[in-house]
Amino acid sequence: MKAVRPLALLLLLAAACDRLPSRPKTAFVGDSALSYTRQQVAFGPRVPGTPQAERAGDWIVSMMKTRADTVIQQRWTHRTAEGKDVPLRNILARYKPNAPQRILYITHWDTRPMADNDPVLGNRNTPIIGANDGAAGVGLFVALGDALKKTPPNIGVDLLFVDGEDYGKSFDEPWADVLMGSRYFAEHLPSADYKPVFGVLWDMIGDKDLNIMQEGNSMRQAPEVVTRVWQKAADMGYDKFFIGRAGYDVTDDHVPLLKQGLRVIDVIDLDYGPLGADGAADPNYHHTTQDTIDKISARSLQVVGDVALGIISDF
C-alpha cells in the first residue's frame, strides 16, 4: 500500500506497547491469533504464483471451512503490465450467508515480492516474510473465526482474504499490479445486490508498538464507519491505541471498494516499529526484510481482535 503523510503529524505515545492491557474484553484470543500468524509465516513469503502461496492459501481455506458456514474461492489469472500471467485467489468465509444485513471484514494474505524499503540495498529484491504485512491479518481472521463459530453472530458476517494487494511496484492510479484481489472482488461481488452495512479493512495490525490513526480516505468517504470503530475502541479502553486523529492517506484494499459504493474504511498501523520523537516509526519495518514474527505481539492482536469482535457483537 502507498501512504501519504499529513502535513502535521502530532506526537504519538511512544511507549504504547508497555501499556497494552493484559486482559481480553471479548471471547477473542490474542495468543491464538499469534499462533495462526506464526503458521502463515512458516510457509515463507506468500508471493502470488509461488508454491508457498498456494500452500498458504490452501491452509486458509482448510482453517475457515471448519469455522465458517461456507467458504467461497474466487480464482482468476492476472496479466501483469510486463505480460506475466499470475494466478490469484480470494477466499470469502461467510457466516449466515443468507442474512440480508451483513458486515464485511477484509484483510490481504499475500506478501510483497520485493523489500523495496529495506535499509540494505542488496536486500531490496528479496521477498518479504510479511509477519505484520499479510500474516497478522490472517491470524486475526482465523481467531475471529474461532469466536464466531463458538458464538454465531446475529448479523451476516463476511471475512474476505484478498490476494495480490502488494504485488506490483506502483500504487499510483491507474493501478496495474496492486490491489488486485480487492479490485476483482469489487467487480465480482457475491450477488448483484450485495451491499454490507459497512466494511473494515484490517491491515498491519500486529505491531508491538500499536498506534492506529484515522486513515484519510476513510475519514472523507465513510466517516460514520470510522466513528463506529473508534468509539468501540474507546468504550473498551483502547483509545490509546486507536488514536482519534487524522493519519496518513493510504492507497489500500478499501479504495476499490469505496469506488464501488461500499462503505469500507482502513484500520492500519503504518508506523510499524518503535516510535521516534516525531511520532513516526524509527526504524520502520514496512516493506523490509525485518517484517518478522518477533515484531508481532499477541497483546496488540488482542486489542484489535476485541474491537473487531465487539463491533460484530453490538448487532
C-alpha atoms as a PDB file:
ATOM      1  CA  MET A   1       0.000   0.000   0.000  1.00  0.00           C
ATOM      2  CA  LYS A   2       1.050   3.614  -0.510  1.00  0.00           C
ATOM      3  CA  ALA A   3       0.866   6.201   2.256  1.00  0.00           C
ATOM      4  CA  VAL A   4       0.877   9.976   2.161  1.00  0.00           C
ATOM      5  CA  ARG A   5       1.909  11.587   5.441  1.00  0.00           C
ATOM      6  CA  PRO A   6      -0.276  14.539   6.556  1.00  0.00           C
ATOM      7  CA  LEU A   7       1.364  17.943   6.721  1.00  0.00           C
ATOM      8  CA  ALA A   8       1.247  17.990  10.503  1.00  0.00           C
ATOM      9  CA  LEU A   9       1.620  14.777  12.481  1.00  0.00           C
ATOM     10  CA  LEU A  10       1.110  15.189  16.203  1.00  0.00           C
ATOM     11  CA  LEU A  11       3.317  13.408  18.707  1.00  0.00           C
ATOM     12  CA  LEU A  12       2.107   9.888  19.451  1.00  0.00           C
ATOM     13  CA  LEU A  13       2.525   7.755  22.542  1.00  0.00           C
ATOM     14  CA  ALA A  14       5.945   6.196  22.163  1.00  0.00           C
ATOM     15  CA  ALA A  15       5.578   3.572  24.869  1.00  0.00           C
ATOM     16  CA  ALA A  16       2.165   2.208  23.821  1.00  0.00           C
ATOM     17  CA  CYS A  17       3.315  -1.405  23.813  1.00  0.00           C
ATOM     18  CA  ASP A  18       4.076  -1.340  27.542  1.00  0.00           C
ATOM     19  CA  ARG A  19       0.556  -0.193  28.368  1.00  0.00           C
ATOM     20  CA  LEU A  20      -1.320  -2.744  26.323  1.00  0.00           C
ATOM     21  CA  PRO A  21      -3.929  -4.410  28.537  1.00  0.00           C
ATOM     22  CA  SER A  22      -3.311  -7.982  29.556  1.00  0.00           C
ATOM     23  CA  ARG A  23      -6.972  -8.961  29.959  1.00  0.00           C
ATOM     24  CA  PRO A  24      -9.237  -9.513  26.934  1.00  0.00           C
ATOM     25  CA  LYS A  25     -12.583  -7.741  26.671  1.00  0.00           C
ATOM     26  CA  THR A  26     -14.242 -10.374  24.451  1.00  0.00           C
ATOM     27  CA  ALA A  27     -14.017 -14.062  23.586  1.00  0.00           C
ATOM     28  CA  PHE A  28     -11.260 -13.275  21.074  1.00  0.00           C
ATOM     29  CA  VAL A  29      -7.943 -14.972  21.974  1.00  0.00           C
ATOM     30  CA  GLY A  30      -4.849 -12.998  21.030  1.00  0.00           C
ATOM     31  CA  ASP A  31      -2.484 -15.904  21.725  1.00  0.00           C
ATOM     32  CA  SER A  32      -4.381 -17.984  19.164  1.00  0.00           C
ATOM     33  CA  ALA A  33      -4.166 -15.148  16.647  1.00  0.00           C
ATOM     34  CA  LEU A  34      -0.406 -15.012  17.140  1.00  0.00           C
ATOM     35  CA  SER A  35      -0.160 -18.781  16.679  1.00  0.00           C
ATOM     36  CA  TYR A  36      -2.087 -18.591  13.399  1.00  0.00           C
ATOM     37  CA  THR A  37       0.118 -15.681  12.311  1.00  0.00           C
ATOM     38  CA  ARG A  38       3.180 -17.778  13.035  1.00  0.00           C
ATOM     39  CA  GLN A  39       1.769 -20.647  10.972  1.00  0.00           C
ATOM     40  CA  GLN A  40       1.293 -18.322   7.988  1.00  0.00           C
ATOM     41  CA  VAL A  41       4.855 -17.033   8.316  1.00  0.00           C
ATOM     42  CA  ALA A  42       6.121 -20.642   8.378  1.00  0.00           C
ATOM     43  CA  PHE A  43       5.054 -21.073   4.741  1.00  0.00           C
ATOM     44  CA  GLY A  44       7.641 -18.474   3.749  1.00  0.00           C
ATOM     45  CA  PRO A  45       6.921 -15.470   1.514  1.00  0.00           C
ATOM     46  CA  ARG A  46       3.389 -15.822   0.080  1.00  0.00           C
ATOM     47  CA  VAL A  47       4.066 -14.171  -3.263  1.00  0.00           C
ATOM     48  CA  PRO A  48       1.282 -14.851  -5.802  1.00  0.00           C
ATOM     49  CA  GLY A  49       2.128 -17.634  -8.215  1.00  0.00           C
ATOM     50  CA  THR A  50       4.584 -19.403  -5.889  1.00  0.00           C
ATOM     51  CA  PRO A  51       4.209 -22.836  -4.256  1.00  0.00           C
ATOM     52  CA  GLN A  52       4.361 -21.162  -0.837  1.00  0.00           C
ATOM     53  CA  ALA A  53       1.367 -19.005  -1.704  1.00  0.00           C
ATOM     54  CA  GLU A  54      -0.604 -21.998  -2.973  1.00  0.00           C
ATOM     55  CA  ARG A  55       0.051 -23.920   0.253  1.00  0.00           C
ATOM     56  CA  ALA A  56      -0.738 -20.912   2.442  1.00  0.00           C
ATOM     57  CA  GLY A  57      -3.998 -20.315   0.570  1.00  0.00           C
ATOM     58  CA  ASP A  58      -4.981 -23.962   0.942  1.00  0.00           C
ATOM     59  CA  TRP A  59      -4.301 -23.658   4.678  1.00  0.00           C
ATOM     60  CA  ILE A  60      -6.589 -20.626   4.973  1.00  0.00           C
ATOM     61  CA  VAL A  61      -9.357 -22.460   3.113  1.00  0.00           C
ATOM     62  CA  SER A  62      -8.958 -25.516   5.332  1.00  0.00           C
ATOM     63  CA  MET A  63      -8.996 -23.472   8.543  1.00  0.00           C
ATOM     64  CA  MET A  64     -12.033 -21.439   7.563  1.00  0.00           C
ATOM     65  CA  LYS A  65     -14.046 -24.437   6.333  1.00  0.00           C
ATOM     66  CA  THR A  66     -14.028 -25.748   9.907  1.00  0.00           C
ATOM     67  CA  ARG A  67     -15.115 -22.377  11.299  1.00  0.00           C
ATOM     68  CA  ALA A  68     -17.452 -20.615   8.844  1.00  0.00           C
ATOM     69  CA  ASP A  69     -20.831 -21.634   7.423  1.00  0.00           C
ATOM     70  CA  THR A  70     -19.489 -21.565   3.882  1.00  0.00           C
ATOM     71  CA  VAL A  71     -16.239 -20.733   2.105  1.00  0.00           C
ATOM     72  CA  ILE A  72     -16.087 -19.381  -1.442  1.00  0.00           C
ATOM     73  CA  GLN A  73     -12.926 -19.145  -3.520  1.00  0.00           C
ATOM     74  CA  GLN A  74     -12.536 -16.657  -6.342  1.00  0.00           C
ATOM     75  CA  ARG A  75      -9.748 -17.793  -8.675  1.00  0.00           C
ATOM     76  CA  TRP A  76      -8.528 -15.905 -11.716  1.00  0.00           C
ATOM     77  CA  THR A  77      -5.367 -15.096 -13.659  1.00  0.00           C
ATOM     78  CA  HIS A  78      -3.992 -11.580 -13.802  1.00  0.00           C
ATOM     79  CA  ARG A  79      -1.884 -10.383 -16.740  1.00  0.00           C
ATOM     80  CA  THR A  80       0.753  -8.004 -15.347  1.00  0.00           C
ATOM     81  CA  ALA A  81       1.990  -4.840 -17.002  1.00  0.00           C
ATOM     82  CA  GLU A  82       5.041  -6.832 -18.079  1.00  0.00           C
ATOM     83  CA  GLY A  83       2.901  -9.543 -19.678  1.00  0.00           C
ATOM     84  CA  LYS A  84       3.272 -12.203 -16.979  1.00  0.00           C
ATOM     85  CA  ASP A  85       0.266 -14.347 -16.022  1.00  0.00           C
ATOM     86  CA  VAL A  86      -0.156 -14.557 -12.247  1.00  0.00           C
ATOM     87  CA  PRO A  87      -2.703 -16.891 -10.601  1.00  0.00           C
ATOM     88  CA  LEU A  88      -4.640 -15.237  -7.785  1.00  0.00           C
ATOM     89  CA  ARG A  89      -7.208 -16.324  -5.233  1.00  0.00           C
ATOM     90  CA  ASN A  90      -9.619 -14.505  -2.940  1.00  0.00           C
ATOM     91  CA  ILE A  91     -11.117 -16.505  -0.063  1.00  0.00           C
ATOM     92  CA  LEU A  92     -14.508 -15.487   1.365  1.00  0.00           C
ATOM     93  CA  ALA A  93     -15.594 -17.104   4.634  1.00  0.00           C
ATOM     94  CA  ARG A  94     -19.281 -16.429   5.332  1.00  0.00           C
ATOM     95  CA  TYR A  95     -21.405 -16.585   8.468  1.00  0.00           C
ATOM     96  CA  LYS A  96     -25.182 -16.600   7.985  1.00  0.00           C
ATOM     97  CA  PRO A  97     -24.732 -16.328   4.204  1.00  0.00           C
ATOM     98  CA  ASN A  98     -28.453 -15.803   3.623  1.00  0.00           C
ATOM     99  CA  ALA A  99     -28.795 -12.917   6.069  1.00  0.00           C
ATOM    100  CA  PRO A 100     -29.584  -9.703   4.173  1.00  0.00           C
ATOM    101  CA  GLN A 101     -27.872  -7.466   6.736  1.00  0.00           C
ATOM    102  CA  ARG A 102     -24.099  -8.018   6.638  1.00  0.00           C
ATOM    103  CA  ILE A 103     -20.722  -6.764   7.852  1.00  0.00           C
ATOM    104  CA  LEU A 104     -17.675  -7.129   5.587  1.00  0.00           C
ATOM    105  CA  TYR A 105     -14.179  -7.520   7.048  1.00  0.00           C
ATOM    106  CA  ILE A 106     -11.186  -7.597   4.691  1.00  0.00           C
ATOM    107  CA  THR A 107      -7.511  -8.471   5.032  1.00  0.00           C
ATOM    108  CA  HIS A 108      -4.863  -9.367   2.467  1.00  0.00           C
ATOM    109  CA  TRP A 109      -2.939 -12.607   2.680  1.00  0.00           C
ATOM    110  CA  ASP A 110      -0.224 -12.157   0.045  1.00  0.00           C
ATOM    111  CA  THR A 111       3.246 -10.746   0.692  1.00  0.00           C
ATOM    112  CA  ARG A 112       5.389  -8.331  -1.274  1.00  0.00           C
ATOM    113  CA  PRO A 113       7.901  -9.851  -3.730  1.00  0.00           C
ATOM    114  CA  MET A 114      10.452  -7.116  -3.019  1.00  0.00           C
ATOM    115  CA  ALA A 115      11.763  -5.476   0.162  1.00  0.00           C
ATOM    116  CA  ASP A 116      11.942  -2.108  -1.575  1.00  0.00           C
ATOM    117  CA  ASN A 117      12.185  -0.111   1.683  1.00  0.00           C
ATOM    118  CA  ASP A 118      14.985  -2.228   3.157  1.00  0.00           C
ATOM    119  CA  PRO A 119      17.899  -0.181   4.541  1.00  0.00           C
ATOM    120  CA  VAL A 120      20.307  -2.686   2.970  1.00  0.00           C
ATOM    121  CA  LEU A 121      20.365  -2.057  -0.774  1.00  0.00           C
ATOM    122  CA  GLY A 122      21.274  -5.668  -1.514  1.00  0.00           C
ATOM    123  CA  ASN A 123      18.042  -6.869   0.142  1.00  0.00           C
ATOM    124  CA  ARG A 124      15.653  -4.788  -1.936  1.00  0.00           C
ATOM    125  CA  ASN A 125      14.877  -7.505  -4.465  1.00  0.00           C
ATOM    126  CA  THR A 126      14.256 -10.055  -1.689  1.00  0.00           C
ATOM    127  CA  PRO A 127      10.651 -11.147  -0.972  1.00  0.00           C
ATOM    128  CA  ILE A 128       9.474 -10.113   2.499  1.00  0.00           C
ATOM    129  CA  ILE A 129       8.260 -12.678   5.015  1.00  0.00           C
ATOM    130  CA  GLY A 130       5.352 -10.363   5.873  1.00  0.00           C
ATOM    131  CA  ALA A 131       4.675 -11.193   9.514  1.00  0.00           C
ATOM    132  CA  ASN A 132       2.708  -7.975  10.007  1.00  0.00           C
ATOM    133  CA  ASP A 133       2.047  -7.072   6.374  1.00  0.00           C
ATOM    134  CA  GLY A 134      -0.072 -10.084   5.486  1.00  0.00           C
ATOM    135  CA  ALA A 135       0.194 -12.780   8.155  1.00  0.00           C
ATOM    136  CA  ALA A 136      -1.136 -10.779  11.126  1.00  0.00           C
ATOM    137  CA  GLY A 137      -4.419 -10.071   9.340  1.00  0.00           C
ATOM    138  CA  VAL A 138      -4.797 -13.759   8.555  1.00  0.00           C
ATOM    139  CA  GLY A 139      -4.122 -14.633  12.188  1.00  0.00           C
ATOM    140  CA  LEU A 140      -6.723 -12.092  13.279  1.00  0.00           C
ATOM    141  CA  PHE A 141      -9.367 -13.527  10.948  1.00  0.00           C
ATOM    142  CA  VAL A 142      -8.804 -17.178  11.827  1.00  0.00           C
ATOM    143  CA  ALA A 143      -9.041 -16.287  15.531  1.00  0.00           C
ATOM    144  CA  LEU A 144     -12.216 -14.304  14.791  1.00  0.00           C
ATOM    145  CA  GLY A 145     -13.441 -17.486  13.133  1.00  0.00           C
ATOM    146  CA  ASP A 146     -12.870 -19.369  16.387  1.00  0.00           C
ATOM    147  CA  ALA A 147     -15.036 -16.889  18.293  1.00  0.00           C
ATOM    148  CA  LEU A 148     -17.789 -16.720  15.655  1.00  0.00           C
ATOM    149  CA  LYS A 149     -18.019 -20.497  15.470  1.00  0.00           C
ATOM    150  CA  LYS A 150     -18.416 -20.711  19.249  1.00  0.00           C
ATOM    151  CA  THR A 151     -20.997 -17.895  19.382  1.00  0.00           C
ATOM    152  CA  PRO A 152     -22.640 -17.329  15.981  1.00  0.00           C
ATOM    153  CA  PRO A 153     -23.280 -13.676  15.132  1.00  0.00           C
ATOM    154  CA  ASN A 154     -26.731 -12.110  14.966  1.00  0.00           C
ATOM    155  CA  ILE A 155     -25.845 -10.490  11.639  1.00  0.00           C
ATOM    156  CA  GLY A 156     -24.297 -11.872   8.469  1.00  0.00           C
ATOM    157  CA  VAL A 157     -20.507 -11.633   8.545  1.00  0.00           C
ATOM    158  CA  ASP A 158     -18.121 -11.952   5.602  1.00  0.00           C
ATOM    159  CA  LEU A 159     -14.404 -12.426   6.241  1.00  0.00           C
ATOM    160  CA  LEU A 160     -12.631 -11.712   2.961  1.00  0.00           C
ATOM    161  CA  PHE A 161      -8.982 -12.675   2.445  1.00  0.00           C
ATOM    162  CA  VAL A 162      -7.805 -10.845  -0.685  1.00  0.00           C
ATOM    163  CA  ASP A 163      -4.799 -11.746  -2.813  1.00  0.00           C
ATOM    164  CA  GLY A 164      -2.379  -9.617  -4.803  1.00  0.00           C
ATOM    165  CA  GLU A 165      -2.547  -6.446  -2.708  1.00  0.00           C
ATOM    166  CA  ASP A 166       1.198  -5.950  -2.545  1.00  0.00           C
ATOM    167  CA  TYR A 167       2.478  -7.461  -5.806  1.00  0.00           C
ATOM    168  CA  GLY A 168       3.338  -4.524  -8.059  1.00  0.00           C
ATOM    169  CA  LYS A 169       5.722  -1.605  -7.893  1.00  0.00           C
ATOM    170  CA  SER A 170       3.379   1.382  -8.089  1.00  0.00           C
ATOM    171  CA  PHE A 171       0.292   2.235  -6.059  1.00  0.00           C
ATOM    172  CA  ASP A 172      -0.479   5.232  -8.250  1.00  0.00           C
ATOM    173  CA  GLU A 173      -3.537   5.129 -10.500  1.00  0.00           C
ATOM    174  CA  PRO A 174      -4.128   3.586 -12.930  1.00  0.00           C
ATOM    175  CA  TRP A 175      -3.278   0.618 -10.717  1.00  0.00           C
ATOM    176  CA  ALA A 176      -1.631  -2.152 -12.686  1.00  0.00           C
ATOM    177  CA  ASP A 177      -0.392  -4.914 -10.420  1.00  0.00           C
ATOM    178  CA  VAL A 178      -1.525  -3.904  -6.916  1.00  0.00           C
ATOM    179  CA  LEU A 179      -4.844  -4.158  -5.041  1.00  0.00           C
ATOM    180  CA  MET A 180      -5.667  -6.952  -7.481  1.00  0.00           C
ATOM    181  CA  GLY A 181      -7.812  -9.022  -5.130  1.00  0.00           C
ATOM    182  CA  SER A 182      -9.913  -6.136  -3.843  1.00  0.00           C
ATOM    183  CA  ARG A 183     -10.394  -4.803  -7.372  1.00  0.00           C
ATOM    184  CA  TYR A 184     -11.516  -8.248  -8.529  1.00  0.00           C
ATOM    185  CA  PHE A 185     -13.922  -8.590  -5.603  1.00  0.00           C
ATOM    186  CA  ALA A 186     -15.349  -5.119  -6.263  1.00  0.00           C
ATOM    187  CA  GLU A 187     -16.074  -6.226  -9.849  1.00  0.00           C
ATOM    188  CA  HIS A 188     -17.369  -9.702  -8.851  1.00  0.00           C
ATOM    189  CA  LEU A 189     -19.466  -9.195  -5.720  1.00  0.00           C
ATOM    190  CA  PRO A 190     -21.220 -12.217  -4.159  1.00  0.00           C
ATOM    191  CA  SER A 191     -24.543 -11.009  -5.563  1.00  0.00           C
ATOM    192  CA  ALA A 192     -25.835  -8.140  -7.672  1.00  0.00           C
ATOM    193  CA  ASP A 193     -27.469  -6.539  -4.632  1.00  0.00           C
ATOM    194  CA  TYR A 194     -24.535  -7.091  -2.263  1.00  0.00           C
ATOM    195  CA  LYS A 195     -24.204  -4.042  -0.047  1.00  0.00           C
ATOM    196  CA  PRO A 196     -22.991  -4.633   3.501  1.00  0.00           C
ATOM    197  CA  VAL A 197     -23.976  -2.205   6.227  1.00  0.00           C
ATOM    198  CA  PHE A 198     -20.301  -1.291   6.388  1.00  0.00           C
ATOM    199  CA  GLY A 199     -16.879  -2.816   5.956  1.00  0.00           C
ATOM    200  CA  VAL A 200     -13.489  -2.634   7.647  1.00  0.00           C
ATOM    201  CA  LEU A 201     -10.099  -3.445   6.176  1.00  0.00           C
ATOM    202  CA  TRP A 202      -7.689  -4.704   8.846  1.00  0.00           C
ATOM    203  CA  ASP A 203      -4.063  -4.321   7.722  1.00  0.00           C
ATOM    204  CA  MET A 204      -0.760  -4.332   9.607  1.00  0.00           C
ATOM    205  CA  ILE A 205      -2.436  -4.643  12.992  1.00  0.00           C
ATOM    206  CA  GLY A 206       0.064  -6.806  14.900  1.00  0.00           C
ATOM    207  CA  ASP A 207       2.809  -4.245  15.605  1.00  0.00           C
ATOM    208  CA  LYS A 208       4.124  -4.420  19.170  1.00  0.00           C
ATOM    209  CA  ASP A 209       4.118  -0.597  19.226  1.00  0.00           C
ATOM    210  CA  LEU A 210       0.459  -0.312  18.291  1.00  0.00           C
ATOM    211  CA  ASN A 211      -0.758   3.125  17.209  1.00  0.00           C
ATOM    212  CA  ILE A 212      -3.646   3.203  14.745  1.00  0.00           C
ATOM    213  CA  MET A 213      -4.667   6.610  13.430  1.00  0.00           C
ATOM    214  CA  GLN A 214      -7.688   7.500  11.301  1.00  0.00           C
ATOM    215  CA  GLU A 215      -6.897   6.959   7.626  1.00  0.00           C
ATOM    216  CA  GLY A 216      -7.637   9.911   5.332  1.00  0.00           C
ATOM    217  CA  ASN A 217      -9.722   8.272   2.581  1.00  0.00           C
ATOM    218  CA  SER A 218     -11.810   6.579   5.248  1.00  0.00           C
ATOM    219  CA  MET A 219     -12.451   9.855   7.051  1.00  0.00           C
ATOM    220  CA  ARG A 220     -13.591  11.596   3.888  1.00  0.00           C
ATOM    221  CA  GLN A 221     -15.670   8.817   2.340  1.00  0.00           C
ATOM    222  CA  ALA A 222     -17.063   6.773   5.242  1.00  0.00           C
ATOM    223  CA  PRO A 223     -16.682   8.909   8.388  1.00  0.00           C
ATOM    224  CA  GLU A 224     -19.584   7.216  10.172  1.00  0.00           C
ATOM    225  CA  VAL A 225     -17.742   3.876   9.989  1.00  0.00           C
ATOM    226  CA  VAL A 226     -14.577   5.462  11.405  1.00  0.00           C
ATOM    227  CA  THR A 227     -16.663   6.854  14.250  1.00  0.00           C
ATOM    228  CA  ARG A 228     -18.203   3.432  14.934  1.00  0.00           C
ATOM    229  CA  VAL A 229     -14.823   1.681  15.129  1.00  0.00           C
ATOM    230  CA  TRP A 230     -13.020   4.329  17.165  1.00  0.00           C
ATOM    231  CA  GLN A 231     -15.961   4.674  19.557  1.00  0.00           C
ATOM    232  CA  LYS A 232     -15.938   0.916  20.161  1.00  0.00           C
ATOM    233  CA  ALA A 233     -12.215   1.077  20.883  1.00  0.00           C
ATOM    234  CA  ALA A 234     -12.748   3.966  23.299  1.00  0.00           C
ATOM    235  CA  ASP A 235     -15.590   2.131  25.030  1.00  0.00           C
ATOM    236  CA  MET A 236     -13.212  -0.773  25.594  1.00  0.00           C
ATOM    237  CA  GLY A 237     -10.485   1.484  26.979  1.00  0.00           C
ATOM    238  CA  TYR A 238      -8.334   1.141  23.874  1.00  0.00           C
ATOM    239  CA  ASP A 239      -8.283   4.798  22.847  1.00  0.00           C
ATOM    240  CA  LYS A 240      -4.523   4.932  23.475  1.00  0.00           C
ATOM    241  CA  PHE A 241      -4.071   2.586  20.547  1.00  0.00           C
ATOM    242  CA  PHE A 242      -6.934   3.672  18.294  1.00  0.00           C
ATOM    243  CA  ILE A 243      -5.901   7.322  18.220  1.00  0.00           C
ATOM    244  CA  GLY A 244      -8.630   9.788  17.322  1.00  0.00           C
ATOM    245  CA  ARG A 245      -6.526  11.917  14.972  1.00  0.00           C
ATOM    246  CA  ALA A 246      -6.031  12.092  11.233  1.00  0.00           C
ATOM    247  CA  GLY A 247      -3.203   9.924   9.979  1.00  0.00           C
ATOM    248  CA  TYR A 248      -1.996   9.002   6.521  1.00  0.00           C
ATOM    249  CA  ASP A 249      -3.908   8.815   3.286  1.00  0.00           C
ATOM    250  CA  VAL A 250      -3.338   5.183   2.322  1.00  0.00           C
ATOM    251  CA  THR A 251      -3.889   3.563  -1.055  1.00  0.00           C
ATOM    252  CA  ASP A 252      -5.055   0.189   0.209  1.00  0.00           C
ATOM    253  CA  ASP A 253      -7.663  -2.502  -0.436  1.00  0.00           C
ATOM    254  CA  HIS A 254     -10.538  -0.332   0.796  1.00  0.00           C
ATOM    255  CA  VAL A 255     -10.127   2.151  -2.076  1.00  0.00           C
ATOM    256  CA  PRO A 256     -11.548  -0.046  -4.897  1.00  0.00           C
ATOM    257  CA  LEU A 257     -14.464  -0.955  -2.626  1.00  0.00           C
ATOM    258  CA  LEU A 258     -15.143   2.684  -1.813  1.00  0.00           C
ATOM    259  CA  LYS A 259     -15.156   3.377  -5.549  1.00  0.00           C
ATOM    260  CA  GLN A 260     -17.779   0.645  -5.895  1.00  0.00           C
ATOM    261  CA  GLY A 261     -20.000   2.416  -3.366  1.00  0.00           C
ATOM    262  CA  LEU A 262     -19.285   0.194  -0.348  1.00  0.00           C
ATOM    263  CA  ARG A 263     -18.751   1.946   2.974  1.00  0.00           C
ATOM    264  CA  VAL A 264     -15.351   0.468   3.831  1.00  0.00           C
ATOM    265  CA  ILE A 265     -12.591   2.000   5.968  1.00  0.00           C
ATOM    266  CA  ASP A 266      -8.953   1.113   6.573  1.00  0.00           C
ATOM    267  CA  VAL A 267      -7.700   0.226  10.052  1.00  0.00           C
ATOM    268  CA  ILE A 268      -3.927   0.260   9.626  1.00  0.00           C
ATOM    269  CA  ASP A 269      -0.810   0.997  11.669  1.00  0.00           C
ATOM    270  CA  LEU A 270       1.734   2.151   9.084  1.00  0.00           C
ATOM    271  CA  ASP A 271       4.152   3.419  11.735  1.00  0.00           C
ATOM    272  CA  TYR A 272       5.455  -0.122  12.075  1.00  0.00           C
ATOM    273  CA  GLY A 273       8.248  -0.203  14.617  1.00  0.00           C
ATOM    274  CA  PRO A 274       9.392   1.662  17.729  1.00  0.00           C
ATOM    275  CA  LEU A 275       8.150   5.255  17.691  1.00  0.00           C
ATOM    276  CA  GLY A 276      10.633   8.112  17.485  1.00  0.00           C
ATOM    277  CA  ALA A 277      10.366  11.626  18.891  1.00  0.00           C
ATOM    278  CA  ASP A 278       8.313  12.781  15.892  1.00  0.00           C
ATOM    279  CA  GLY A 279       5.698  10.082  16.428  1.00  0.00           C
ATOM    280  CA  ALA A 280       6.810   8.047  13.393  1.00  0.00           C
ATOM    281  CA  ALA A 281       8.381   4.606  13.476  1.00  0.00           C
ATOM    282  CA  ASP A 282      12.176   4.627  13.699  1.00  0.00           C
ATOM    283  CA  PRO A 283      13.131   2.281  12.149  1.00  0.00           C
ATOM    284  CA  ASN A 284      10.056   1.392  10.093  1.00  0.00           C
ATOM    285  CA  TYR A 285       9.867  -2.299   9.159  1.00  0.00           C
ATOM    286  CA  HIS A 286       7.247  -1.776   6.424  1.00  0.00           C
ATOM    287  CA  HIS A 287       8.319  -3.454   3.153  1.00  0.00           C
ATOM    288  CA  THR A 288      11.634  -4.595   4.609  1.00  0.00           C
ATOM    289  CA  THR A 289      13.168  -7.967   5.440  1.00  0.00           C
ATOM    290  CA  GLN A 290      12.743  -7.004   9.114  1.00  0.00           C
ATOM    291  CA  ASP A 291       8.967  -7.625   8.960  1.00  0.00           C
ATOM    292  CA  THR A 292       9.401 -10.778  11.041  1.00  0.00           C
ATOM    293  CA  ILE A 293       7.396 -12.629  13.677  1.00  0.00           C
ATOM    294  CA  ASP A 294       9.381 -11.172  16.601  1.00  0.00           C
ATOM    295  CA  LYS A 295       7.908  -7.747  15.776  1.00  0.00           C
ATOM    296  CA  ILE A 296       4.343  -9.030  16.366  1.00  0.00           C
ATOM    297  CA  SER A 297       2.554  -9.001  19.715  1.00  0.00           C
ATOM    298  CA  ALA A 298      -0.291 -11.198  20.947  1.00  0.00           C
ATOM    299  CA  ARG A 299      -1.347  -8.237  23.091  1.00  0.00           C
ATOM    300  CA  SER A 300      -1.720  -5.993  20.034  1.00  0.00           C
ATOM    301  CA  LEU A 301      -3.696  -8.698  18.263  1.00  0.00           C
ATOM    302  CA  GLN A 302      -5.880  -8.971  21.371  1.00  0.00           C
ATOM    303  CA  VAL A 303      -6.671  -5.249  21.289  1.00  0.00           C
ATOM    304  CA  VAL A 304      -7.594  -5.284  17.607  1.00  0.00           C
ATOM    305  CA  GLY A 305      -9.454  -8.577  17.907  1.00  0.00           C
ATOM    306  CA  ASP A 306     -11.510  -7.294  20.828  1.00  0.00           C
ATOM    307  CA  VAL A 307     -12.549  -4.255  18.806  1.00  0.00           C
ATOM    308  CA  ALA A 308     -13.314  -6.295  15.675  1.00  0.00           C
ATOM    309  CA  LEU A 309     -15.396  -8.856  17.566  1.00  0.00           C
ATOM    310  CA  GLY A 310     -17.000  -6.202  19.751  1.00  0.00           C
ATOM    311  CA  ILE A 311     -18.342  -4.397  16.693  1.00  0.00           C
ATOM    312  CA  ILE A 312     -19.979  -7.596  15.464  1.00  0.00           C
ATOM    313  CA  SER A 313     -21.389  -8.367  18.908  1.00  0.00           C
ATOM    314  CA  ASP A 314     -23.174  -4.996  19.011  1.00  0.00           C
ATOM    315  CA  PHE A 315     -25.726  -6.322  16.497  1.00  0.00           C
END
